[in-house]
Amino acid sequence: MVGGPVKQESTTENTHEERAEGKISREHNSTSAGSSTKDAARKGSPKAHLHELCAREHWKQPVFECCKEEGPDHSKLFTFKVLVETEEESTAVLECFGNPRPNKKAAAEDAAEGALWCLKHMGYQLKKQ
């Protein structure tokens, strides 16, 4: 009986690992808490993934900017944008806006997630190390 539950737990961990390996930017908060993968524990946020991708591609680091604050002081929503220069010699700049979020950190993460999605569809992805 003791072997049964252990086997189920390791299957669950494998599922979390497979999910963490297949995504670069979605649902890291839910998978990194229970996951035993090195990647999820070391760098689980979309913002960190975007910084890593820019470093790997030898681009300038992304620039995050709070471009909109709305709502009353007790219930503000923040919207961030991120600028990524994808080429060194030309002026190719990716500008992504996130959705309004209740705090600045979440808003910046949302903008980074959007940039990663766009870069992924342009052919750039984080590679498994």
N, C-alpha and C. Protein backbone atom coordinates (compact mmCIF):
# COMPACT_ATOMS: atom_id res chain seq x y z
N MET A 1 0.81 -1.19 0.00
CA MET A 1 0.00 0.00 0.00
C MET A 1 0.85 1.26 0.00
N VAL A 2 1.99 1.23 0.68
CA VAL A 2 2.84 2.40 0.72
C VAL A 2 3.38 2.71 -0.67
N GLY A 3 3.69 1.70 -1.47
CA GLY A 3 4.23 1.90 -2.81
C GLY A 3 3.23 2.56 -3.76
N GLY A 4 1.94 2.32 -3.59
CA GLY A 4 0.92 2.89 -4.47
C GLY A 4 0.89 4.41 -4.46
N PRO A 5 0.74 5.04 -3.29
CA PRO A 5 0.68 6.49 -3.26
C PRO A 5 1.98 7.15 -3.75
N VAL A 6 3.13 6.53 -3.45
CA VAL A 6 4.39 7.10 -3.90
C VAL A 6 4.44 7.11 -5.41
N LYS A 7 3.94 6.05 -6.03
CA LYS A 7 3.92 5.96 -7.48
C LYS A 7 3.02 7.04 -8.06
N GLN A 8 1.88 7.28 -7.45
CA GLN A 8 0.97 8.32 -7.93
C GLN A 8 1.61 9.69 -7.80
N GLU A 9 2.31 9.96 -6.70
CA GLU A 9 2.95 11.26 -6.52
C GLU A 9 4.02 11.49 -7.57
N SER A 10 4.84 10.48 -7.89
CA SER A 10 5.87 10.67 -8.90
C SER A 10 5.26 10.88 -10.28
N THR A 11 4.12 10.25 -10.55
CA THR A 11 3.43 10.49 -11.82
C THR A 11 2.96 11.93 -11.89
N THR A 12 2.44 12.46 -10.78
CA THR A 12 2.01 13.85 -10.74
C THR A 12 3.19 14.78 -10.97
N GLU A 13 4.35 14.48 -10.35
CA GLU A 13 5.53 15.31 -10.56
C GLU A 13 5.96 15.28 -12.02
N ASN A 14 5.91 14.10 -12.65
CA ASN A 14 6.27 14.03 -14.06
C ASN A 14 5.34 14.88 -14.91
N THR A 15 4.06 14.89 -14.58
CA THR A 15 3.11 15.71 -15.32
C THR A 15 3.48 17.18 -15.18
N HIS A 16 3.83 17.63 -13.96
CA HIS A 16 4.24 19.01 -13.76
C HIS A 16 5.51 19.31 -14.54
N GLU A 17 6.46 18.38 -14.56
CA GLU A 17 7.71 18.58 -15.30
C GLU A 17 7.44 18.70 -16.79
N GLU A 18 6.57 17.84 -17.30
CA GLU A 18 6.25 17.89 -18.73
C GLU A 18 5.59 19.22 -19.08
N ARG A 19 4.70 19.69 -18.22
CA ARG A 19 4.06 20.97 -18.48
C ARG A 19 5.07 22.10 -18.41
N ALA A 20 5.97 22.07 -17.43
CA ALA A 20 6.95 23.14 -17.28
C ALA A 20 7.91 23.16 -18.47
N GLU A 21 8.27 21.99 -19.02
CA GLU A 21 9.18 21.94 -20.16
C GLU A 21 8.52 22.44 -21.44
N GLY A 22 7.22 22.30 -21.56
CA GLY A 22 6.53 22.63 -22.79
C GLY A 22 6.12 24.08 -22.90
N LYS A 23 6.21 24.85 -21.85
CA LYS A 23 5.75 26.23 -21.88
C LYS A 23 6.89 27.15 -21.51
N ILE A 24 6.85 28.36 -22.06
CA ILE A 24 7.86 29.32 -21.67
C ILE A 24 7.29 30.42 -20.81
N SER A 25 5.98 30.58 -20.81
CA SER A 25 5.50 31.74 -20.09
C SER A 25 4.16 31.61 -19.38
N ARG A 26 3.47 30.54 -19.50
CA ARG A 26 2.14 30.47 -18.91
C ARG A 26 2.13 29.66 -17.63
N GLU A 27 1.32 30.09 -16.68
CA GLU A 27 0.99 29.38 -15.46
C GLU A 27 2.21 28.96 -14.64
N HIS A 28 3.21 29.80 -14.56
CA HIS A 28 4.38 29.44 -13.77
C HIS A 28 4.09 29.50 -12.28
N ASN A 29 3.20 30.36 -11.85
CA ASN A 29 2.88 30.43 -10.43
C ASN A 29 2.31 29.13 -9.93
N SER A 30 1.47 28.47 -10.71
CA SER A 30 0.86 27.22 -10.24
C SER A 30 1.80 26.04 -10.40
N THR A 31 2.65 26.03 -11.43
CA THR A 31 3.51 24.87 -11.62
C THR A 31 4.81 24.95 -10.83
N SER A 32 5.33 26.15 -10.61
CA SER A 32 6.62 26.24 -9.94
C SER A 32 6.53 25.90 -8.45
N ALA A 33 5.36 26.13 -7.83
CA ALA A 33 5.23 25.84 -6.41
C ALA A 33 5.31 24.34 -6.14
N GLY A 34 4.72 23.53 -7.00
CA GLY A 34 4.69 22.10 -6.76
C GLY A 34 5.68 21.33 -7.59
N SER A 35 6.35 21.98 -8.50
CA SER A 35 7.24 21.30 -9.43
C SER A 35 8.62 21.13 -8.82
N SER A 36 9.28 20.05 -9.21
CA SER A 36 10.63 19.82 -8.71
C SER A 36 11.67 20.09 -9.79
N THR A 37 11.28 20.69 -10.90
CA THR A 37 12.24 20.95 -11.96
C THR A 37 13.13 22.11 -11.57
N LYS A 38 14.37 22.07 -12.04
CA LYS A 38 15.31 23.13 -11.75
C LYS A 38 14.89 24.44 -12.40
N ASP A 39 14.37 24.38 -13.62
CA ASP A 39 13.97 25.59 -14.33
C ASP A 39 12.86 26.33 -13.59
N ALA A 40 11.85 25.63 -13.15
CA ALA A 40 10.73 26.28 -12.49
C ALA A 40 11.16 26.92 -11.17
N ALA A 41 12.04 26.27 -10.44
CA ALA A 41 12.48 26.80 -9.17
C ALA A 41 13.45 27.96 -9.37
N ARG A 42 14.26 27.91 -10.40
CA ARG A 42 15.30 28.90 -10.62
C ARG A 42 14.74 30.17 -11.26
N LYS A 43 13.90 30.01 -12.25
CA LYS A 43 13.40 31.18 -12.97
C LYS A 43 11.99 30.88 -13.47
N GLY A 44 11.02 31.27 -12.70
CA GLY A 44 9.66 30.89 -13.03
C GLY A 44 8.80 31.98 -13.60
N SER A 45 9.30 33.22 -13.69
CA SER A 45 8.42 34.29 -14.15
C SER A 45 8.64 34.60 -15.62
N PRO A 46 7.61 35.06 -16.29
CA PRO A 46 7.76 35.46 -17.69
C PRO A 46 8.81 36.56 -17.87
N LYS A 47 8.88 37.45 -16.90
CA LYS A 47 9.87 38.54 -16.97
C LYS A 47 11.29 37.97 -16.96
N ALA A 48 11.54 36.99 -16.12
CA ALA A 48 12.86 36.35 -16.07
C ALA A 48 13.16 35.61 -17.36
N HIS A 49 12.16 34.93 -17.92
CA HIS A 49 12.34 34.24 -19.19
C HIS A 49 12.66 35.22 -20.31
N LEU A 50 12.01 36.38 -20.31
CA LEU A 50 12.26 37.38 -21.34
C LEU A 50 13.67 37.93 -21.22
N HIS A 51 14.12 38.19 -20.01
CA HIS A 51 15.50 38.65 -19.80
C HIS A 51 16.50 37.60 -20.28
N GLU A 52 16.23 36.34 -19.99
CA GLU A 52 17.12 35.27 -20.41
C GLU A 52 17.17 35.14 -21.93
N LEU A 53 16.01 35.24 -22.57
CA LEU A 53 15.96 35.16 -24.03
C LEU A 53 16.74 36.31 -24.67
N CYS A 54 16.58 37.51 -24.15
CA CYS A 54 17.32 38.66 -24.68
C CYS A 54 18.82 38.48 -24.51
N ALA A 55 19.24 37.96 -23.38
CA ALA A 55 20.67 37.72 -23.15
C ALA A 55 21.20 36.66 -24.11
N ARG A 56 20.44 35.59 -24.30
CA ARG A 56 20.88 34.52 -25.19
C ARG A 56 21.00 34.99 -26.63
N GLU A 57 20.09 35.86 -27.05
CA GLU A 57 20.10 36.36 -28.43
C GLU A 57 21.01 37.57 -28.62
N HIS A 58 21.65 38.02 -27.53
CA HIS A 58 22.55 39.19 -27.55
C HIS A 58 21.81 40.47 -27.93
N TRP A 59 20.57 40.59 -27.42
CA TRP A 59 19.79 41.80 -27.60
C TRP A 59 19.95 42.66 -26.36
N LYS A 60 19.54 43.92 -26.47
CA LYS A 60 19.47 44.77 -25.28
C LYS A 60 18.42 44.19 -24.35
N GLN A 61 18.57 44.45 -23.06
CA GLN A 61 17.59 43.95 -22.10
C GLN A 61 16.25 44.66 -22.32
N PRO A 62 15.14 43.97 -22.05
CA PRO A 62 13.83 44.58 -22.26
C PRO A 62 13.62 45.77 -21.32
N VAL A 63 12.86 46.74 -21.79
CA VAL A 63 12.55 47.93 -21.01
C VAL A 63 11.06 47.90 -20.66
N PHE A 64 10.78 47.91 -19.36
CA PHE A 64 9.39 47.89 -18.88
C PHE A 64 8.99 49.29 -18.45
N GLU A 65 7.76 49.66 -18.79
CA GLU A 65 7.28 50.99 -18.46
C GLU A 65 5.81 50.93 -18.08
N CYS A 66 5.46 51.57 -16.97
CA CYS A 66 4.06 51.68 -16.59
C CYS A 66 3.47 52.79 -17.45
N CYS A 67 2.59 52.43 -18.36
CA CYS A 67 2.07 53.41 -19.31
C CYS A 67 0.67 53.90 -18.96
N LYS A 68 0.02 53.26 -17.97
CA LYS A 68 -1.32 53.71 -17.62
C LYS A 68 -1.66 53.29 -16.19
N GLU A 69 -2.20 54.23 -15.44
CA GLU A 69 -2.76 53.96 -14.11
C GLU A 69 -4.18 54.46 -14.14
N GLU A 70 -5.11 53.61 -13.74
CA GLU A 70 -6.51 54.02 -13.77
C GLU A 70 -7.22 53.54 -12.51
N GLY A 71 -8.27 54.22 -12.18
CA GLY A 71 -9.08 53.85 -11.02
C GLY A 71 -8.76 54.68 -9.81
N PRO A 72 -9.61 54.55 -8.78
CA PRO A 72 -9.37 55.30 -7.54
C PRO A 72 -8.14 54.77 -6.80
N ASP A 73 -7.60 55.56 -5.90
CA ASP A 73 -6.37 55.20 -5.18
C ASP A 73 -6.46 53.85 -4.48
N HIS A 74 -7.60 53.51 -3.95
CA HIS A 74 -7.73 52.25 -3.21
C HIS A 74 -7.93 51.04 -4.13
N SER A 75 -8.11 51.29 -5.44
CA SER A 75 -8.38 50.18 -6.36
C SER A 75 -7.79 50.47 -7.74
N LYS A 76 -6.53 50.82 -7.78
CA LYS A 76 -5.88 51.16 -9.05
C LYS A 76 -5.61 49.93 -9.89
N LEU A 77 -5.60 50.15 -11.19
CA LEU A 77 -5.17 49.14 -12.16
C LEU A 77 -4.00 49.72 -12.93
N PHE A 78 -2.96 48.90 -13.12
CA PHE A 78 -1.75 49.32 -13.81
C PHE A 78 -1.60 48.56 -15.11
N THR A 79 -1.19 49.27 -16.14
CA THR A 79 -0.91 48.66 -17.43
C THR A 79 0.54 48.93 -17.77
N PHE A 80 1.28 47.87 -18.08
CA PHE A 80 2.69 48.01 -18.44
C PHE A 80 2.88 47.68 -19.91
N LYS A 81 3.92 48.25 -20.46
CA LYS A 81 4.36 47.85 -21.79
C LYS A 81 5.82 47.46 -21.68
N VAL A 82 6.25 46.62 -22.60
CA VAL A 82 7.64 46.19 -22.65
C VAL A 82 8.15 46.43 -24.06
N LEU A 83 9.37 46.95 -24.14
CA LEU A 83 10.04 47.17 -25.42
C LEU A 83 11.21 46.22 -25.53
N VAL A 84 11.28 45.50 -26.63
CA VAL A 84 12.37 44.56 -26.88
C VAL A 84 12.96 44.89 -28.24
N GLU A 85 14.23 45.26 -28.26
CA GLU A 85 14.92 45.49 -29.53
C GLU A 85 15.46 44.14 -29.99
N THR A 86 14.88 43.62 -31.08
CA THR A 86 15.23 42.26 -31.50
C THR A 86 16.41 42.20 -32.46
N GLU A 87 16.90 43.32 -32.91
CA GLU A 87 18.06 43.33 -33.81
C GLU A 87 19.03 44.39 -33.31
N GLU A 88 20.31 44.11 -33.45
CA GLU A 88 21.31 45.08 -32.98
C GLU A 88 21.51 46.21 -33.98
N GLU A 89 21.57 45.91 -35.27
CA GLU A 89 21.93 46.90 -36.26
C GLU A 89 20.73 47.64 -36.84
N SER A 90 19.57 47.04 -36.86
CA SER A 90 18.39 47.72 -37.40
C SER A 90 17.54 48.25 -36.27
N THR A 91 16.41 48.80 -36.61
CA THR A 91 15.54 49.37 -35.60
C THR A 91 14.32 48.49 -35.34
N ALA A 92 14.47 47.18 -35.36
CA ALA A 92 13.36 46.27 -35.10
C ALA A 92 13.06 46.27 -33.61
N VAL A 93 11.90 46.80 -33.26
CA VAL A 93 11.51 46.92 -31.86
C VAL A 93 10.14 46.27 -31.68
N LEU A 94 10.04 45.41 -30.70
CA LEU A 94 8.77 44.78 -30.35
C LEU A 94 8.21 45.54 -29.16
N GLU A 95 6.98 46.01 -29.27
CA GLU A 95 6.33 46.74 -28.19
C GLU A 95 5.06 45.98 -27.82
N CYS A 96 5.00 45.47 -26.61
CA CYS A 96 3.84 44.69 -26.16
C CYS A 96 3.22 45.35 -24.93
N PHE A 97 1.92 45.45 -24.94
CA PHE A 97 1.17 45.99 -23.81
C PHE A 97 0.50 44.84 -23.07
N GLY A 98 0.56 44.89 -21.75
CA GLY A 98 -0.12 43.89 -20.94
C GLY A 98 -1.54 44.33 -20.62
N ASN A 99 -2.27 43.46 -19.99
CA ASN A 99 -3.62 43.78 -19.52
C ASN A 99 -3.53 44.53 -18.20
N PRO A 100 -4.53 45.33 -17.88
CA PRO A 100 -4.54 46.03 -16.59
C PRO A 100 -4.55 45.03 -15.44
N ARG A 101 -3.69 45.28 -14.44
CA ARG A 101 -3.58 44.40 -13.27
C ARG A 101 -3.60 45.24 -12.00
N PRO A 102 -3.96 44.63 -10.87
CA PRO A 102 -4.08 45.40 -9.62
C PRO A 102 -2.75 45.81 -8.98
N ASN A 103 -1.63 45.24 -9.43
CA ASN A 103 -0.35 45.71 -8.90
C ASN A 103 0.68 45.77 -10.03
N LYS A 104 1.73 46.54 -9.80
CA LYS A 104 2.71 46.80 -10.86
C LYS A 104 3.47 45.54 -11.26
N LYS A 105 3.80 44.70 -10.29
CA LYS A 105 4.55 43.48 -10.61
C LYS A 105 3.74 42.57 -11.55
N ALA A 106 2.49 42.37 -11.22
CA ALA A 106 1.63 41.51 -12.06
C ALA A 106 1.46 42.12 -13.45
N ALA A 107 1.36 43.44 -13.52
CA ALA A 107 1.20 44.12 -14.81
C ALA A 107 2.45 43.94 -15.67
N ALA A 108 3.63 44.05 -15.06
CA ALA A 108 4.88 43.86 -15.80
C ALA A 108 5.02 42.42 -16.26
N GLU A 109 4.65 41.46 -15.42
CA GLU A 109 4.70 40.05 -15.79
C GLU A 109 3.77 39.76 -16.96
N ASP A 110 2.59 40.39 -16.96
CA ASP A 110 1.63 40.17 -18.03
C ASP A 110 2.17 40.71 -19.35
N ALA A 111 2.81 41.88 -19.31
CA ALA A 111 3.42 42.43 -20.53
C ALA A 111 4.53 41.52 -21.04
N ALA A 112 5.34 40.98 -20.13
CA ALA A 112 6.42 40.06 -20.51
C ALA A 112 5.85 38.80 -21.14
N GLU A 113 4.75 38.31 -20.58
CA GLU A 113 4.11 37.11 -21.12
C GLU A 113 3.64 37.35 -22.55
N GLY A 114 3.08 38.52 -22.80
CA GLY A 114 2.66 38.87 -24.15
C GLY A 114 3.83 38.95 -25.12
N ALA A 115 4.94 39.53 -24.66
CA ALA A 115 6.13 39.63 -25.51
C ALA A 115 6.69 38.24 -25.82
N LEU A 116 6.71 37.36 -24.83
CA LEU A 116 7.19 36.00 -25.05
C LEU A 116 6.30 35.26 -26.05
N TRP A 117 5.00 35.45 -25.94
CA TRP A 117 4.08 34.81 -26.87
C TRP A 117 4.39 35.27 -28.29
N CYS A 118 4.55 36.58 -28.46
CA CYS A 118 4.83 37.13 -29.78
C CYS A 118 6.18 36.62 -30.31
N LEU A 119 7.20 36.65 -29.48
CA LEU A 119 8.53 36.18 -29.90
C LEU A 119 8.50 34.69 -30.24
N LYS A 120 7.73 33.92 -29.50
CA LYS A 120 7.61 32.49 -29.79
C LYS A 120 7.03 32.28 -31.19
N HIS A 121 6.02 33.08 -31.54
CA HIS A 121 5.39 32.95 -32.84
C HIS A 121 6.24 33.56 -33.96
N MET A 122 7.26 34.32 -33.58
CA MET A 122 8.22 34.83 -34.56
C MET A 122 9.38 33.86 -34.75
N GLY A 123 9.39 32.78 -33.94
CA GLY A 123 10.43 31.77 -34.09
C GLY A 123 11.47 31.75 -32.99
N TYR A 124 11.36 32.65 -32.01
CA TYR A 124 12.31 32.67 -30.91
C TYR A 124 11.70 31.95 -29.72
N GLN A 125 12.47 31.03 -29.11
CA GLN A 125 12.00 30.32 -27.94
C GLN A 125 13.15 30.08 -27.00
N LEU A 126 12.81 29.97 -25.73
CA LEU A 126 13.82 29.53 -24.77
C LEU A 126 14.10 28.08 -25.01
N LYS A 127 15.35 27.74 -25.04
CA LYS A 127 15.72 26.33 -25.24
C LYS A 127 16.02 25.70 -23.91
N LYS A 128 15.65 24.46 -23.77
CA LYS A 128 15.91 23.68 -22.56
C LYS A 128 17.41 23.51 -22.42
N GLN A 129 17.93 23.86 -21.23
CA GLN A 129 19.38 23.74 -21.01
C GLN A 129 19.73 22.43 -20.42
